[in-house]
Amino acid sequence: MSEFKRVTLIGVGLIGGSLGLAFRGLPHPPRVIGVARHREMIKKALERGAIDKGTTSLLDGVRGSDVIFVATPVSSIVNIIREIHEHLEPGTIITDVGSTKAGIVRAVEEFLPPHLHFIGGHPMTGSEQAGIDAASGSLFKGAYYLLTPTSRTDTEAFQRLHSLLTAIGATVLAIDPDKHDKVVAAVSHLPHILSAALIDLAQKQMAETENLLLLAAGGFRDMTRIAAGSPDIWTDICLENDVAILQAIEDFQRELGGLSELIRKKDRKKLARELEKSRRARLNLPSILKKDLTQLRELSIPVTDRPGVISDITLAIGRLGINVEDIEIVHATETSGVLRLVLSGARNARKAVAALREKGYEVNIRSVYSEE
């Protein structure tokens, strides 16, 4: 269920269009407004049912909206927010879907007034296909959706955005903007660079080995699948997150060099050990399982209404890799209240409680669906 009455999507391609389809599929959907530079994009978004109304006017599209998603290339996000912010109502939430965060968050927070709320966002999902034709209302179901709160993040704004994203099936995690860029450089950006380099290498060898690409095995196809992504988008990403990506490339070169040395030395024992370590790490990657409602635990945390409290708590939990299933703020007075978080799994809940108590918070825990 959405408490937002009007949502604006600036950009109605794969991510923006999928958000629109997901929001309009809610039991009580908000009115979804789409903004695009070309009328043809608006027409397609309307035909797909991703938006209720579309416009090519940026300012007309954002006026009166409760929450605005900037779903454009990362290089344009800050300028778009700079252009629209003076035309928004107090309390409006602005978020983005860019895969780099630190630079965007810092730049926006420099000029955004306190009556508007920016929360950086990055859905960890997508497709090799681009555009509204590839959009899907189920794109976010079970997918990780990263939010990057800071000391300036408004508690209620975070809770409302978190609830909206959870409602469309996303698994929402909070992460520091700088840490976000370092992590995604390793797990998302570097794989794309490696994929592009691998397929370029294979193509260059075509002169020596005819039809190499036609004979490519399944492993090669899997490794190079993401090289089909939009070059414009990935150029922006590489230049925006250059420091973290370059560090990830250097780290990878060291790992590859280590394996090269073992092969050169024909050190069967150590090479097998390294490959087994990698195999085990791959098999232990977390999988998305159906949630057992009896495992849900509610954490109640008395908090004062001070800047940074929501980022302090959610980042502490996010650092543990624990998803917050639901979040609610119950106000006792104008300056204090209780933050209620729902986590899945008794073990996760105990770890979160320990981390928060170590930071000085009073935390109560109870089972949501059964007495403990």
Protein backbone atom coordinates (compact mmCIF):
# COMPACT_ATOMS: atom_id res chain seq x y z
CA MET A 1 0.00 0.00 0.00
CA SER A 2 1.36 3.45 -0.95
CA GLU A 3 0.88 6.54 1.17
CA PHE A 4 2.12 8.68 -1.72
CA LYS A 5 -0.54 10.32 -3.85
CA ARG A 6 1.67 11.50 -6.70
CA VAL A 7 5.01 10.08 -7.89
CA THR A 8 7.13 11.56 -10.66
CA LEU A 9 9.57 9.52 -12.73
CA ILE A 10 12.17 11.62 -14.53
CA GLY A 11 13.20 9.14 -17.16
CA VAL A 12 10.92 6.31 -18.30
CA GLY A 13 13.40 3.80 -19.65
CA LEU A 14 14.10 0.36 -18.20
CA ILE A 15 14.37 1.42 -14.53
CA GLY A 16 11.96 4.34 -14.60
CA GLY A 17 9.39 2.38 -16.59
CA SER A 18 9.73 -0.64 -14.29
CA LEU A 19 9.22 1.57 -11.25
CA GLY A 20 6.08 2.97 -12.84
CA LEU A 21 4.68 -0.48 -13.58
CA ALA A 22 5.49 -1.62 -10.03
CA PHE A 23 3.91 1.44 -8.40
CA ARG A 24 0.78 1.24 -10.54
CA GLY A 25 0.45 -2.41 -9.60
CA LEU A 26 0.11 -1.63 -5.87
CA PRO A 27 -3.27 -2.18 -4.17
CA HIS A 28 -3.69 1.59 -3.73
CA PRO A 29 -1.38 3.04 -6.37
CA PRO A 30 -0.21 6.63 -6.51
CA ARG A 31 -0.73 8.71 -9.62
CA VAL A 32 2.44 8.24 -11.65
CA ILE A 33 3.75 11.09 -13.81
CA GLY A 34 6.44 10.40 -16.38
CA VAL A 35 8.91 12.96 -17.71
CA ALA A 36 10.94 12.36 -20.85
CA ARG A 37 12.66 14.53 -23.44
CA HIS A 38 10.83 12.98 -26.37
CA ARG A 39 7.09 12.57 -26.85
CA GLU A 40 7.64 9.15 -28.39
CA MET A 41 9.00 7.92 -25.05
CA ILE A 42 5.94 9.31 -23.27
CA LYS A 43 3.67 7.58 -25.77
CA LYS A 44 5.40 4.21 -25.23
CA ALA A 45 5.26 4.58 -21.45
CA LEU A 46 1.54 5.29 -21.61
CA GLU A 47 0.95 2.33 -23.93
CA ARG A 48 2.88 0.03 -21.56
CA GLY A 49 0.81 1.28 -18.61
CA ALA A 50 3.90 2.53 -16.77
CA ILE A 51 2.52 6.03 -16.19
CA ASP A 52 -0.83 7.75 -15.79
CA LYS A 53 0.30 10.93 -17.48
CA GLY A 54 3.41 12.09 -19.31
CA THR A 55 5.07 15.37 -20.17
CA THR A 56 8.24 16.68 -21.77
CA SER A 57 8.24 19.62 -19.34
CA LEU A 58 10.47 18.94 -16.36
CA LEU A 59 8.89 21.55 -14.11
CA ASP A 60 5.31 20.62 -15.01
CA GLY A 61 6.13 17.00 -14.25
CA VAL A 62 7.48 17.56 -10.73
CA ARG A 63 5.03 20.13 -9.39
CA GLY A 64 2.84 18.74 -6.63
CA SER A 65 4.62 15.38 -6.40
CA ASP A 66 5.30 13.69 -3.07
CA VAL A 67 8.34 11.77 -4.28
CA ILE A 68 10.52 12.15 -7.35
CA PHE A 69 12.71 9.43 -8.85
CA VAL A 70 15.50 10.70 -11.11
CA ALA A 71 16.06 7.75 -13.44
CA THR A 72 18.54 9.29 -15.86
CA PRO A 73 22.26 8.73 -16.60
CA VAL A 74 24.40 9.51 -13.55
CA SER A 75 26.09 12.49 -15.22
CA SER A 76 22.79 14.40 -15.42
CA ILE A 77 21.28 13.64 -11.99
CA VAL A 78 22.75 16.56 -10.01
CA ASN A 79 21.89 19.14 -12.68
CA ILE A 80 18.30 17.90 -12.89
CA ILE A 81 17.83 18.18 -9.12
CA ARG A 82 19.42 21.63 -9.19
CA GLU A 83 16.92 22.69 -11.84
CA ILE A 84 13.79 21.38 -10.12
CA HIS A 85 14.38 21.92 -6.39
CA GLU A 86 13.12 25.50 -6.20
CA HIS A 87 9.78 24.41 -7.65
CA LEU A 88 8.99 21.65 -5.13
CA GLU A 89 6.70 21.68 -2.13
CA PRO A 90 8.23 21.43 1.38
CA GLY A 91 8.60 17.81 2.44
CA THR A 92 9.09 16.48 -1.10
CA ILE A 93 11.36 13.44 -1.27
CA ILE A 94 13.89 13.25 -4.08
CA THR A 95 15.81 10.09 -4.88
CA ASP A 96 17.78 8.73 -7.81
CA VAL A 97 18.65 5.33 -9.26
CA GLY A 98 22.27 6.00 -10.22
CA SER A 99 24.88 3.30 -9.65
CA THR A 100 27.37 5.80 -8.22
CA LYS A 101 26.45 7.63 -5.05
CA ALA A 102 29.12 9.56 -3.13
CA GLY A 103 29.63 12.39 -5.61
CA ILE A 104 25.91 12.78 -6.27
CA VAL A 105 24.96 12.79 -2.58
CA ARG A 106 27.63 15.33 -1.65
CA ALA A 107 26.78 17.64 -4.54
CA VAL A 108 23.02 17.59 -3.90
CA GLU A 109 23.36 18.11 -0.15
CA GLU A 110 25.44 21.23 -0.78
CA PHE A 111 22.55 23.14 -2.32
CA LEU A 112 19.34 21.35 -1.27
CA PRO A 113 17.41 23.31 1.41
CA PRO A 114 16.42 21.49 4.63
CA HIS A 115 12.70 21.47 3.76
CA LEU A 116 13.43 19.05 0.88
CA HIS A 117 14.73 15.52 1.40
CA PHE A 118 17.24 13.77 -0.83
CA ILE A 119 18.02 10.08 -0.31
CA GLY A 120 20.43 8.44 -2.73
CA GLY A 121 19.22 5.16 -4.20
CA HIS A 122 20.56 2.33 -6.35
CA PRO A 123 18.44 -0.67 -7.39
CA MET A 124 20.80 -3.62 -7.91
CA THR A 125 18.85 -5.01 -10.82
CA GLY A 126 18.54 -4.51 -14.54
CA SER A 127 18.62 -6.16 -17.94
CA GLU A 128 20.89 -6.37 -20.98
CA GLN A 129 17.97 -4.78 -22.83
CA ALA A 130 17.29 -1.08 -22.48
CA GLY A 131 14.30 1.20 -22.75
CA ILE A 132 10.63 1.11 -21.82
CA ASP A 133 10.03 -1.98 -23.98
CA ALA A 134 12.16 -4.02 -21.56
CA ALA A 135 10.48 -2.61 -18.43
CA SER A 136 8.85 -5.03 -16.00
CA GLY A 137 6.73 -4.49 -12.91
CA SER A 138 8.46 -7.45 -11.24
CA LEU A 139 12.01 -6.18 -11.84
CA PHE A 140 12.48 -5.22 -8.17
CA LYS A 141 10.93 -8.28 -6.54
CA GLY A 142 13.59 -9.94 -4.44
CA ALA A 143 16.23 -7.52 -5.75
CA TYR A 144 18.50 -5.54 -3.46
CA TYR A 145 17.73 -1.82 -3.46
CA LEU A 146 20.45 0.23 -1.77
CA LEU A 147 19.68 3.52 -0.02
CA THR A 148 22.47 5.83 1.13
CA PRO A 149 21.32 7.92 4.12
CA THR A 150 23.65 10.50 5.67
CA SER A 151 23.66 12.62 8.82
CA ARG A 152 21.27 14.99 7.03
CA THR A 153 18.68 12.34 6.14
CA ASP A 154 15.23 13.00 7.56
CA THR A 155 13.91 10.06 9.58
CA GLU A 156 10.33 10.14 8.31
CA ALA A 157 11.40 10.66 4.70
CA PHE A 158 13.64 7.59 4.90
CA GLN A 159 10.86 5.53 6.46
CA ARG A 160 8.34 6.54 3.77
CA LEU A 161 10.71 5.80 0.89
CA HIS A 162 11.78 2.52 2.49
CA SER A 163 8.14 1.44 2.84
CA LEU A 164 7.36 2.31 -0.78
CA LEU A 165 10.29 0.28 -2.10
CA THR A 166 9.50 -2.64 0.19
CA ALA A 167 5.92 -2.59 -1.09
CA ILE A 168 7.12 -3.31 -4.64
CA GLY A 169 9.10 -6.31 -3.41
CA ALA A 170 12.59 -4.85 -3.06
CA THR A 171 15.02 -5.91 -0.34
CA VAL A 172 16.19 -2.54 0.99
CA LEU A 173 19.64 -2.11 2.53
CA ALA A 174 21.20 1.08 3.90
CA ILE A 175 24.84 1.77 3.08
CA ASP A 176 27.20 4.73 3.40
CA PRO A 177 27.61 6.55 0.03
CA ASP A 178 31.42 6.19 -0.06
CA LYS A 179 31.27 2.53 0.92
CA HIS A 180 28.57 2.00 -1.70
CA ASP A 181 30.86 3.20 -4.48
CA LYS A 182 33.71 0.99 -3.31
CA VAL A 183 31.47 -2.08 -3.04
CA VAL A 184 29.68 -1.68 -6.38
CA ALA A 185 33.01 -0.98 -8.11
CA ALA A 186 34.03 -4.51 -7.10
CA VAL A 187 30.76 -6.40 -7.59
CA SER A 188 29.15 -4.50 -10.48
CA HIS A 189 31.42 -2.05 -12.28
CA LEU A 190 34.57 -4.20 -12.43
CA PRO A 191 32.67 -7.21 -13.86
CA HIS A 192 31.45 -5.01 -16.71
CA ILE A 193 34.99 -3.81 -17.44
CA LEU A 194 36.27 -7.39 -17.35
CA SER A 195 33.43 -8.55 -19.57
CA ALA A 196 34.21 -5.85 -22.14
CA ALA A 197 37.95 -6.64 -22.02
CA LEU A 198 37.36 -10.38 -22.42
CA ILE A 199 35.14 -10.04 -25.46
CA ASP A 200 37.54 -7.49 -27.00
CA LEU A 201 40.40 -9.97 -26.53
CA ALA A 202 38.40 -12.73 -28.17
CA GLN A 203 37.47 -10.50 -31.08
CA LYS A 204 41.13 -9.53 -31.65
CA GLN A 205 42.04 -13.22 -31.83
CA MET A 206 39.47 -13.86 -34.52
CA ALA A 207 42.14 -13.28 -37.18
CA GLU A 208 44.19 -16.14 -35.76
CA THR A 209 41.34 -18.43 -34.71
CA GLU A 210 38.46 -18.24 -37.14
CA ASN A 211 34.91 -18.37 -35.79
CA LEU A 212 36.11 -18.18 -32.17
CA LEU A 213 33.06 -16.19 -31.14
CA LEU A 214 30.73 -18.61 -32.89
CA LEU A 215 32.31 -21.49 -30.97
CA ALA A 216 32.27 -19.66 -27.64
CA ALA A 217 31.39 -21.96 -24.74
CA GLY A 218 28.70 -21.29 -22.18
CA GLY A 219 31.19 -19.91 -19.67
CA PHE A 220 32.37 -17.30 -22.18
CA ARG A 221 28.80 -16.29 -22.97
CA ASP A 222 27.98 -15.99 -19.26
CA MET A 223 31.10 -13.92 -18.56
CA THR A 224 30.50 -11.52 -21.45
CA ARG A 225 26.71 -11.14 -21.18
CA ILE A 226 26.88 -7.79 -19.40
CA ALA A 227 29.15 -6.31 -22.09
CA ALA A 228 25.92 -5.77 -24.04
CA GLY A 229 24.97 -2.91 -21.69
CA SER A 230 24.58 0.65 -22.94
CA PRO A 231 28.04 2.16 -23.66
CA ASP A 232 26.76 5.66 -22.87
CA ILE A 233 25.53 4.61 -19.43
CA TRP A 234 28.70 2.68 -18.65
CA THR A 235 30.96 5.50 -19.81
CA ASP A 236 29.20 7.78 -17.33
CA ILE A 237 29.54 5.20 -14.57
CA CYS A 238 33.25 4.66 -15.19
CA LEU A 239 34.01 8.37 -15.15
CA GLU A 240 31.83 9.09 -12.11
CA ASN A 241 33.25 6.24 -10.02
CA ASP A 242 36.76 6.31 -11.48
CA VAL A 243 38.72 6.19 -8.21
CA ALA A 244 36.95 3.11 -6.85
CA ILE A 245 36.94 1.35 -10.24
CA LEU A 246 40.66 1.93 -10.77
CA GLN A 247 41.37 0.56 -7.30
CA ALA A 248 39.21 -2.49 -8.05
CA ILE A 249 41.12 -3.07 -11.31
CA GLU A 250 44.45 -2.89 -9.45
CA ASP A 251 43.19 -5.33 -6.82
CA PHE A 252 42.00 -7.69 -9.54
CA GLN A 253 45.33 -7.46 -11.36
CA ARG A 254 47.06 -8.59 -8.17
CA GLU A 255 44.68 -11.54 -7.81
CA LEU A 256 45.13 -12.50 -11.47
CA GLY A 257 48.89 -12.11 -11.12
CA GLY A 258 48.88 -14.50 -8.18
CA LEU A 259 47.03 -17.14 -10.17
CA SER A 260 49.33 -16.57 -13.15
CA GLU A 261 52.35 -17.23 -10.95
CA LEU A 262 50.88 -20.50 -9.64
CA ILE A 263 50.21 -21.67 -13.19
CA ARG A 264 53.70 -20.61 -14.29
CA LYS A 265 55.25 -22.57 -11.43
CA LYS A 266 52.91 -25.51 -12.09
CA ASP A 267 52.08 -25.48 -8.39
CA ARG A 268 49.17 -27.90 -8.53
CA LYS A 269 48.54 -27.98 -4.77
CA LYS A 270 48.29 -24.21 -4.24
CA LEU A 271 46.37 -23.66 -7.48
CA ALA A 272 43.81 -26.29 -6.49
CA ARG A 273 43.53 -24.69 -3.04
CA GLU A 274 42.83 -21.25 -4.56
CA LEU A 275 40.26 -22.66 -6.99
CA GLU A 276 38.55 -24.58 -4.19
CA LYS A 277 38.43 -21.42 -2.07
CA SER A 278 36.78 -19.58 -4.96
CA ARG A 279 34.33 -22.45 -5.54
CA ARG A 280 33.26 -22.46 -1.91
CA ALA A 281 32.87 -18.68 -1.84
CA ARG A 282 30.67 -18.84 -4.95
CA LEU A 283 28.49 -21.61 -3.51
CA ASN A 284 28.03 -19.65 -0.30
CA LEU A 285 26.69 -16.52 -2.00
CA PRO A 286 23.39 -15.58 -0.34
CA SER A 287 20.26 -16.66 -2.16
CA ILE A 288 16.84 -15.09 -2.02
CA LEU A 289 14.61 -17.41 -0.02
CA LYS A 290 10.93 -17.15 0.77
CA LYS A 291 10.51 -15.34 4.04
CA ASP A 292 9.29 -17.35 7.02
CA LEU A 293 6.98 -14.95 8.82
CA THR A 294 7.52 -16.77 12.11
CA GLN A 295 11.14 -15.65 11.92
CA LEU A 296 10.31 -11.94 11.90
CA ARG A 297 11.63 -9.96 14.87
CA GLU A 298 10.67 -6.41 15.84
CA LEU A 299 13.28 -4.08 17.33
CA SER A 300 11.99 -1.06 19.27
CA ILE A 301 14.52 1.75 19.72
CA PRO A 302 13.72 4.95 21.65
CA VAL A 303 15.26 7.86 19.73
CA THR A 304 15.40 11.63 19.92
CA ASP A 305 14.51 13.68 16.86
CA ARG A 306 18.04 14.69 15.92
CA PRO A 307 19.87 14.89 12.58
CA GLY A 308 21.61 11.69 11.62
CA VAL A 309 19.79 9.26 13.91
CA ILE A 310 18.19 7.30 11.06
CA SER A 311 21.47 6.97 9.14
CA ASP A 312 23.34 5.99 12.31
CA ILE A 313 20.94 3.13 13.03
CA THR A 314 20.26 1.88 9.50
CA LEU A 315 23.91 2.01 8.46
CA ALA A 316 24.90 0.03 11.56
CA ILE A 317 22.47 -2.70 10.47
CA GLY A 318 23.39 -2.38 6.79
CA ARG A 319 27.06 -2.97 7.61
CA LEU A 320 26.04 -6.39 8.91
CA GLY A 321 24.38 -7.16 5.55
CA ILE A 322 20.97 -7.39 7.23
CA ASN A 323 17.84 -6.25 5.42
CA VAL A 324 15.25 -4.16 7.26
CA GLU A 325 11.93 -5.70 6.23
CA ASP A 326 9.86 -2.80 7.56
CA ILE A 327 10.42 0.47 9.37
CA GLU A 328 8.04 2.65 11.35
CA ILE A 329 8.37 5.75 13.51
CA VAL A 330 6.02 6.21 16.46
CA HIS A 331 6.20 9.73 17.90
CA ALA A 332 5.80 10.06 21.66
CA THR A 333 6.53 13.81 21.67
CA GLU A 334 7.60 16.37 19.10
CA THR A 335 11.26 15.71 19.93
CA SER A 336 11.33 11.98 20.64
CA GLY A 337 9.75 8.71 19.61
CA VAL A 338 10.30 5.01 19.00
CA LEU A 339 11.87 3.62 15.86
CA ARG A 340 10.48 0.16 15.08
CA LEU A 341 12.42 -2.09 12.74
CA VAL A 342 11.37 -5.53 11.52
CA LEU A 343 14.17 -7.98 10.67
CA SER A 344 14.00 -11.57 9.43
CA GLY A 345 15.73 -14.22 11.52
CA ALA A 346 16.45 -14.46 15.23
CA ARG A 347 20.19 -14.57 14.61
CA ASN A 348 20.10 -11.44 12.45
CA ALA A 349 18.03 -9.68 15.09
CA ARG A 350 20.48 -10.59 17.87
CA LYS A 351 23.41 -9.34 15.79
CA ALA A 352 21.60 -6.06 15.09
CA VAL A 353 20.67 -5.60 18.75
CA ALA A 354 24.27 -6.16 19.81
CA ALA A 355 25.56 -3.63 17.26
CA LEU A 356 23.03 -0.99 18.27
CA ARG A 357 23.56 -1.48 21.99
CA GLU A 358 27.28 -1.12 21.41
CA LYS A 359 26.51 2.28 19.92
CA GLY A 360 24.59 3.23 23.05
CA TYR A 361 21.00 2.64 21.93
CA GLU A 362 18.37 1.04 24.14
CA VAL A 363 16.83 -1.80 22.12
CA ASN A 364 13.89 -4.06 22.88
CA ILE A 365 13.25 -7.16 20.75
CA ARG A 366 10.18 -9.32 20.31
CA SER A 367 8.84 -11.92 17.91
CA VAL A 368 6.25 -10.51 15.53
CA TYR A 369 4.20 -13.67 15.01
CA SER A 370 4.85 -15.79 18.09
CA GLU A 371 5.59 -15.39 21.77
CA GLU A 372 9.21 -15.93 22.76
